[in-house]
PDB file of all heavy atoms in Angstrom:
ATOM      1  N   VAL A   1     104.892 117.483  48.455  1.00  0.00           N
ATOM      2  CA  VAL A   1     104.816 118.218  49.721  1.00  0.00           C
ATOM      3  C   VAL A   1     103.470 118.930  49.831  1.00  0.00           C
ATOM      4  O   VAL A   1     102.803 118.879  50.875  1.00  0.00           O
ATOM      5  CB  VAL A   1     105.987 119.228  49.839  1.00  0.00           C
ATOM      6  CG1 VAL A   1     105.780 120.180  50.995  1.00  0.00           C
ATOM      7  CG2 VAL A   1     107.301 118.485  49.992  1.00  0.00           C
ATOM      8  N   ARG A   2     103.043 119.584  48.751  1.00  0.00           N
ATOM      9  CA  ARG A   2     101.747 120.278  48.768  1.00  0.00           C
ATOM     10  C   ARG A   2     100.600 119.298  48.986  1.00  0.00           C
ATOM     11  O   ARG A   2      99.662 119.578  49.736  1.00  0.00           O
ATOM     12  CB  ARG A   2     101.546 121.052  47.463  1.00  0.00           C
ATOM     13  CG  ARG A   2     102.324 122.350  47.399  1.00  0.00           C
ATOM     14  CD  ARG A   2     101.850 123.239  46.249  1.00  0.00           C
ATOM     15  NE  ARG A   2     101.882 122.577  44.945  1.00  0.00           N
ATOM     16  CZ  ARG A   2     102.961 122.515  44.160  1.00  0.00           C
ATOM     17  NH1 ARG A   2     104.091 123.060  44.555  1.00  0.00           N
ATOM     18  NH2 ARG A   2     102.906 121.905  43.006  1.00  0.00           N
ATOM     19  N   ALA A   3     100.676 118.148  48.346  1.00  0.00           N
ATOM     20  CA  ALA A   3      99.607 117.146  48.497  1.00  0.00           C
ATOM     21  C   ALA A   3      99.540 116.639  49.938  1.00  0.00           C
ATOM     22  O   ALA A   3      98.451 116.463  50.495  1.00  0.00           O
ATOM     23  CB  ALA A   3      99.841 115.984  47.534  1.00  0.00           C
ATOM     24  N   ARG A   4     100.697 116.399  50.551  1.00  0.00           N
ATOM     25  CA  ARG A   4     100.705 115.942  51.952  1.00  0.00           C
ATOM     26  C   ARG A   4     100.153 117.007  52.886  1.00  0.00           C
ATOM     27  O   ARG A   4      99.411 116.701  53.820  1.00  0.00           O
ATOM     28  CB  ARG A   4     102.114 115.524  52.376  1.00  0.00           C
ATOM     29  CG  ARG A   4     102.432 114.105  51.923  1.00  0.00           C
ATOM     30  CD  ARG A   4     103.717 113.611  52.513  1.00  0.00           C
ATOM     31  NE  ARG A   4     104.761 113.880  51.531  1.00  0.00           N
ATOM     32  CZ  ARG A   4     105.985 114.260  51.806  1.00  0.00           C
ATOM     33  NH1 ARG A   4     106.347 114.443  53.036  1.00  0.00           N
ATOM     34  NH2 ARG A   4     106.855 114.461  50.847  1.00  0.00           N
ATOM     35  N   LYS A   5     100.497 118.268  52.645  1.00  0.00           N
ATOM     36  CA  LYS A   5      99.968 119.356  53.478  1.00  0.00           C
ATOM     37  C   LYS A   5      98.456 119.468  53.312  1.00  0.00           C
ATOM     38  O   LYS A   5      97.728 119.685  54.282  1.00  0.00           O
ATOM     39  CB  LYS A   5     100.649 120.676  53.136  1.00  0.00           C
ATOM     40  CG  LYS A   5     102.040 120.797  53.698  1.00  0.00           C
ATOM     41  CD  LYS A   5     102.647 122.144  53.382  1.00  0.00           C
ATOM     42  CE  LYS A   5     104.058 122.233  53.934  1.00  0.00           C
ATOM     43  NZ  LYS A   5     104.701 123.507  53.630  1.00  0.00           N
ATOM     44  N   ALA A   6      97.971 119.344  52.080  1.00  0.00           N
ATOM     45  CA  ALA A   6      96.534 119.410  51.831  1.00  0.00           C
ATOM     46  C   ALA A   6      95.820 118.260  52.541  1.00  0.00           C
ATOM     47  O   ALA A   6      94.761 118.452  53.150  1.00  0.00           O
ATOM     48  CB  ALA A   6      96.248 119.367  50.330  1.00  0.00           C
ATOM     49  N   TRP A   7      96.386 117.074  52.475  1.00  0.00           N
ATOM     50  CA  TRP A   7      95.784 115.921  53.160  1.00  0.00           C
ATOM     51  C   TRP A   7      95.752 116.151  54.666  1.00  0.00           C
ATOM     52  O   TRP A   7      94.744 115.881  55.322  1.00  0.00           O
ATOM     53  CB  TRP A   7      96.572 114.648  52.844  1.00  0.00           C
ATOM     54  CG  TRP A   7      95.959 113.446  53.474  1.00  0.00           C
ATOM     55  CD1 TRP A   7      95.005 112.633  52.938  1.00  0.00           C
ATOM     56  CD2 TRP A   7      96.244 112.932  54.775  1.00  0.00           C
ATOM     57  NE1 TRP A   7      94.681 111.642  53.825  1.00  0.00           N
ATOM     58  CE2 TRP A   7      95.419 111.803  54.971  1.00  0.00           C
ATOM     59  CE3 TRP A   7      97.106 113.312  55.793  1.00  0.00           C
ATOM     60  CZ2 TRP A   7      95.445 111.060  56.144  1.00  0.00           C
ATOM     61  CZ3 TRP A   7      97.118 112.570  56.962  1.00  0.00           C
ATOM     62  CH2 TRP A   7      96.308 111.456  57.129  1.00  0.00           C
ATOM     63  N   ALA A   8      96.843 116.665  55.230  1.00  0.00           N
ATOM     64  CA  ALA A   8      96.900 116.917  56.670  1.00  0.00           C
ATOM     65  C   ALA A   8      95.870 117.968  57.079  1.00  0.00           C
ATOM     66  O   ALA A   8      95.266 117.875  58.154  1.00  0.00           O
ATOM     67  CB  ALA A   8      98.298 117.357  57.079  1.00  0.00           C
ATOM     68  N   THR A   9      95.636 118.961  56.221  1.00  0.00           N
ATOM     69  CA  THR A   9      94.623 119.988  56.506  1.00  0.00           C
ATOM     70  C   THR A   9      93.218 119.380  56.496  1.00  0.00           C
ATOM     71  O   THR A   9      92.380 119.716  57.330  1.00  0.00           O
ATOM     72  CB  THR A   9      94.709 121.122  55.463  1.00  0.00           C
ATOM     73  OG1 THR A   9      96.035 121.648  55.490  1.00  0.00           O
ATOM     74  CG2 THR A   9      93.720 122.225  55.758  1.00  0.00           C
ATOM     75  N   GLU A  10      92.977 118.455  55.565  1.00  0.00           N
ATOM     76  CA  GLU A  10      91.666 117.800  55.475  1.00  0.00           C
ATOM     77  C   GLU A  10      91.454 116.751  56.562  1.00  0.00           C
ATOM     78  O   GLU A  10      90.316 116.367  56.827  1.00  0.00           O
ATOM     79  CB  GLU A  10      91.506 117.141  54.105  1.00  0.00           C
ATOM     80  CG  GLU A  10      91.439 118.119  52.959  1.00  0.00           C
ATOM     81  CD  GLU A  10      91.501 117.435  51.613  1.00  0.00           C
ATOM     82  OE1 GLU A  10      91.375 116.184  51.561  1.00  0.00           O
ATOM     83  OE2 GLU A  10      91.676 118.135  50.605  1.00  0.00           O
ATOM     84  N   ASN A  11      92.509 116.259  57.177  1.00  0.00           N
ATOM     85  CA  ASN A  11      92.417 115.208  58.192  1.00  0.00           C
ATOM     86  C   ASN A  11      93.127 115.637  59.473  1.00  0.00           C
ATOM     87  O   ASN A  11      94.088 114.991  59.906  1.00  0.00           O
ATOM     88  CB  ASN A  11      93.047 113.911  57.663  1.00  0.00           C
ATOM     89  CG  ASN A  11      92.353 113.411  56.423  1.00  0.00           C
ATOM     90  OD1 ASN A  11      91.307 112.809  56.504  1.00  0.00           O
ATOM     91  ND2 ASN A  11      92.926 113.695  55.259  1.00  0.00           N
ATOM     92  N   PRO A  12      92.659 116.700  60.121  1.00  0.00           N
ATOM     93  CA  PRO A  12      93.393 117.242  61.275  1.00  0.00           C
ATOM     94  C   PRO A  12      93.426 116.312  62.491  1.00  0.00           C
ATOM     95  O   PRO A  12      94.334 116.401  63.304  1.00  0.00           O
ATOM     96  CB  PRO A  12      92.642 118.531  61.595  1.00  0.00           C
ATOM     97  CG  PRO A  12      91.282 118.325  61.054  1.00  0.00           C
ATOM     98  CD  PRO A  12      91.445 117.436  59.844  1.00  0.00           C
ATOM     99  N   GLU A  13      92.487 115.407  62.602  1.00  0.00           N
ATOM    100  CA  GLU A  13      92.417 114.524  63.778  1.00  0.00           C
ATOM    101  C   GLU A  13      93.163 113.208  63.569  1.00  0.00           C
ATOM    102  O   GLU A  13      93.185 112.370  64.466  1.00  0.00           O
ATOM    103  CB  GLU A  13      90.947 114.230  64.110  1.00  0.00           C
ATOM    104  CG  GLU A  13      90.171 115.459  64.533  1.00  0.00           C
ATOM    105  CD  GLU A  13      90.672 115.997  65.856  1.00  0.00           C
ATOM    106  OE1 GLU A  13      90.900 115.191  66.773  1.00  0.00           O
ATOM    107  OE2 GLU A  13      90.853 117.228  65.964  1.00  0.00           O
ATOM    108  N   TYR A  14      93.765 112.998  62.409  1.00  0.00           N
ATOM    109  CA  TYR A  14      94.372 111.704  62.094  1.00  0.00           C
ATOM    110  C   TYR A  14      95.420 111.288  63.119  1.00  0.00           C
ATOM    111  O   TYR A  14      95.382 110.180  63.647  1.00  0.00           O
ATOM    112  CB  TYR A  14      94.985 111.717  60.690  1.00  0.00           C
ATOM    113  CG  TYR A  14      95.730 110.446  60.384  1.00  0.00           C
ATOM    114  CD1 TYR A  14      95.046 109.317  59.981  1.00  0.00           C
ATOM    115  CD2 TYR A  14      97.122 110.366  60.536  1.00  0.00           C
ATOM    116  CE1 TYR A  14      95.723 108.126  59.722  1.00  0.00           C
ATOM    117  CE2 TYR A  14      97.793 109.184  60.288  1.00  0.00           C
ATOM    118  CZ  TYR A  14      97.094 108.081  59.876  1.00  0.00           C
ATOM    119  OH  TYR A  14      97.767 106.905  59.637  1.00  0.00           O
ATOM    120  N   TRP A  15      96.384 112.149  63.388  1.00  0.00           N
ATOM    121  CA  TRP A  15      97.491 111.757  64.264  1.00  0.00           C
ATOM    122  C   TRP A  15      97.033 111.564  65.699  1.00  0.00           C
ATOM    123  O   TRP A  15      97.530 110.699  66.409  1.00  0.00           O
ATOM    124  CB  TRP A  15      98.634 112.771  64.177  1.00  0.00           C
ATOM    125  CG  TRP A  15      99.328 112.655  62.863  1.00  0.00           C
ATOM    126  CD1 TRP A  15      99.328 113.556  61.846  1.00  0.00           C
ATOM    127  CD2 TRP A  15     100.090 111.530  62.394  1.00  0.00           C
ATOM    128  NE1 TRP A  15     100.050 113.076  60.779  1.00  0.00           N
ATOM    129  CE2 TRP A  15     100.525 111.833  61.092  1.00  0.00           C
ATOM    130  CE3 TRP A  15     100.433 110.304  62.944  1.00  0.00           C
ATOM    131  CZ2 TRP A  15     101.284 110.957  60.332  1.00  0.00           C
ATOM    132  CZ3 TRP A  15     101.206 109.435  62.187  1.00  0.00           C
ATOM    133  CH2 TRP A  15     101.616 109.762  60.897  1.00  0.00           C
ATOM    134  N   LYS A  16      96.052 112.340  66.147  1.00  0.00           N
ATOM    135  CA  LYS A  16      95.508 112.144  67.493  1.00  0.00           C
ATOM    136  C   LYS A  16      94.844 110.767  67.585  1.00  0.00           C
ATOM    137  O   LYS A  16      95.067 110.011  68.529  1.00  0.00           O
ATOM    138  CB  LYS A  16      94.506 113.242  67.838  1.00  0.00           C
ATOM    139  CG  LYS A  16      93.966 113.117  69.254  1.00  0.00           C
ATOM    140  CD  LYS A  16      92.960 114.192  69.543  1.00  0.00           C
ATOM    141  CE  LYS A  16      92.418 114.161  70.947  1.00  0.00           C
ATOM    142  NZ  LYS A  16      92.395 112.914  71.637  1.00  0.00           N
ATOM    143  N   ARG A  17      94.024 110.430  66.572  1.00  0.00           N
ATOM    144  CA  ARG A  17      93.388 109.108  66.542  1.00  0.00           C
ATOM    145  C   ARG A  17      94.438 108.003  66.472  1.00  0.00           C
ATOM    146  O   ARG A  17      94.334 106.982  67.143  1.00  0.00           O
ATOM    147  CB  ARG A  17      92.462 109.001  65.329  1.00  0.00           C
ATOM    148  CG  ARG A  17      91.035 109.339  65.593  1.00  0.00           C
ATOM    149  CD  ARG A  17      90.078 108.906  64.484  1.00  0.00           C
ATOM    150  NE  ARG A  17      90.615 108.833  63.134  1.00  0.00           N
ATOM    151  CZ  ARG A  17      90.680 109.858  62.288  1.00  0.00           C
ATOM    152  NH1 ARG A  17      90.254 111.053  62.652  1.00  0.00           N
ATOM    153  NH2 ARG A  17      91.174 109.689  61.080  1.00  0.00           N
ATOM    154  N   TYR A  18      95.460 108.214  65.643  1.00  0.00           N
ATOM    155  CA  TYR A  18      96.521 107.215  65.486  1.00  0.00           C
ATOM    156  C   TYR A  18      97.215 106.956  66.820  1.00  0.00           C
ATOM    157  O   TYR A  18      97.435 105.817  67.211  1.00  0.00           O
ATOM    158  CB  TYR A  18      97.535 107.698  64.443  1.00  0.00           C
ATOM    159  CG  TYR A  18      98.692 106.754  64.236  1.00  0.00           C
ATOM    160  CD1 TYR A  18      98.592 105.691  63.361  1.00  0.00           C
ATOM    161  CD2 TYR A  18      99.887 106.937  64.938  1.00  0.00           C
ATOM    162  CE1 TYR A  18      99.647 104.814  63.169  1.00  0.00           C
ATOM    163  CE2 TYR A  18     100.946 106.069  64.756  1.00  0.00           C
ATOM    164  CZ  TYR A  18     100.823 105.012  63.874  1.00  0.00           C
ATOM    165  OH  TYR A  18     101.866 104.147  63.705  1.00  0.00           O
ATOM    166  N   ARG A  19      97.561 108.038  67.530  1.00  0.00           N
ATOM    167  CA  ARG A  19      98.227 107.881  68.831  1.00  0.00           C
ATOM    168  C   ARG A  19      97.320 107.172  69.829  1.00  0.00           C
ATOM    169  O   ARG A  19      97.767 106.315  70.591  1.00  0.00           O
ATOM    170  CB  ARG A  19      98.676 109.236  69.365  1.00  0.00           C
ATOM    171  CG  ARG A  19      99.913 109.770  68.676  1.00  0.00           C
ATOM    172  CD  ARG A  19     100.460 110.992  69.383  1.00  0.00           C
ATOM    173  NE  ARG A  19      99.518 112.097  69.423  1.00  0.00           N
ATOM    174  CZ  ARG A  19      99.392 113.002  68.471  1.00  0.00           C
ATOM    175  NH1 ARG A  19     100.157 112.933  67.393  1.00  0.00           N
ATOM    176  NH2 ARG A  19      98.511 113.985  68.582  1.00  0.00           N
ATOM    177  N   ASP A  20      96.040 107.536  69.833  1.00  0.00           N
ATOM    178  CA  ASP A  20      95.095 106.891  70.750  1.00  0.00           C
ATOM    179  C   ASP A  20      94.958 105.401  70.455  1.00  0.00           C
ATOM    180  O   ASP A  20      94.918 104.575  71.370  1.00  0.00           O
ATOM    181  CB  ASP A  20      93.720 107.563  70.669  1.00  0.00           C
ATOM    182  CG  ASP A  20      93.731 108.971  71.230  1.00  0.00           C
ATOM    183  OD1 ASP A  20      94.701 109.324  71.946  1.00  0.00           O
ATOM    184  OD2 ASP A  20      92.783 109.728  70.944  1.00  0.00           O
ATOM    185  N   GLU A  21      94.890 105.051  69.174  1.00  0.00           N
ATOM    186  CA  GLU A  21      94.727 103.648  68.788  1.00  0.00           C
ATOM    187  C   GLU A  21      95.993 102.830  69.041  1.00  0.00           C
ATOM    188  O   GLU A  21      95.921 101.616  69.200  1.00  0.00           O
ATOM    189  CB  GLU A  21      94.339 103.552  67.316  1.00  0.00           C
ATOM    190  CG  GLU A  21      92.946 104.060  67.035  1.00  0.00           C
ATOM    191  CD  GLU A  21      92.666 104.207  65.549  1.00  0.00           C
ATOM    192  OE1 GLU A  21      93.564 103.862  64.729  1.00  0.00           O
ATOM    193  OE2 GLU A  21      91.572 104.672  65.205  1.00  0.00           O
ATOM    194  N   ASN A  22      97.137 103.483  69.083  1.00  0.00           N
ATOM    195  CA  ASN A  22      98.396 102.774  69.282  1.00  0.00           C
ATOM    196  C   ASN A  22      98.982 102.999  70.673  1.00  0.00           C
ATOM    197  O   ASN A  22     100.176 102.834  70.875  1.00  0.00           O
ATOM    198  CB  ASN A  22      99.406 103.182  68.207  1.00  0.00           C
ATOM    199  CG  ASN A  22      98.972 102.695  66.847  1.00  0.00           C
ATOM    200  OD1 ASN A  22      99.067 101.518  66.556  1.00  0.00           O
ATOM    201  ND2 ASN A  22      98.426 103.577  66.033  1.00  0.00           N
ATOM    202  N   GLN A  23      98.160 103.355  71.616  1.00  0.00           N
ATOM    203  CA  GLN A  23      98.617 103.590  72.990  1.00  0.00           C
ATOM    204  C   GLN A  23      99.243 102.330  73.590  1.00  0.00           C
ATOM    205  O   GLN A  23     100.211 102.411  74.324  1.00  0.00           O
ATOM    206  CB  GLN A  23      97.436 104.057  73.852  1.00  0.00           C
ATOM    207  CG  GLN A  23      97.808 104.411  75.273  1.00  0.00           C
ATOM    208  CD  GLN A  23      98.743 105.606  75.352  1.00  0.00           C
ATOM    209  OE1 GLN A  23      98.641 106.536  74.567  1.00  0.00           O
ATOM    210  NE2 GLN A  23      99.655 105.592  76.284  1.00  0.00           N
ATOM    211  N   ARG A  24      98.705 101.172  73.251  1.00  0.00           N
ATOM    212  CA  ARG A  24      99.247  99.916  73.773  1.00  0.00           C
ATOM    213  C   ARG A  24     100.714  99.760  73.392  1.00  0.00           C
ATOM    214  O   ARG A  24     101.550  99.397  74.221  1.00  0.00           O
ATOM    215  CB  ARG A  24      98.432  98.735  73.247  1.00  0.00           C
ATOM    216  CG  ARG A  24      98.942  97.392  73.706  1.00  0.00           C
ATOM    217  CD  ARG A  24      98.077  96.252  73.156  1.00  0.00           C
ATOM    218  NE  ARG A  24      98.647  94.984  73.521  1.00  0.00           N
ATOM    219  CZ  ARG A  24      99.571  94.344  72.810  1.00  0.00           C
ATOM    220  NH1 ARG A  24     100.038  94.873  71.701  1.00  0.00           N
ATOM    221  NH2 ARG A  24     100.041  93.179  73.205  1.00  0.00           N
TER     222      ARG A  24
END
């Protein structure tokens, strides 16, 4: 859980990019 939170903190734009790339 701590590792996932740390990764999410280091990659704050990931989910926005993911949603944009998968809009289709």
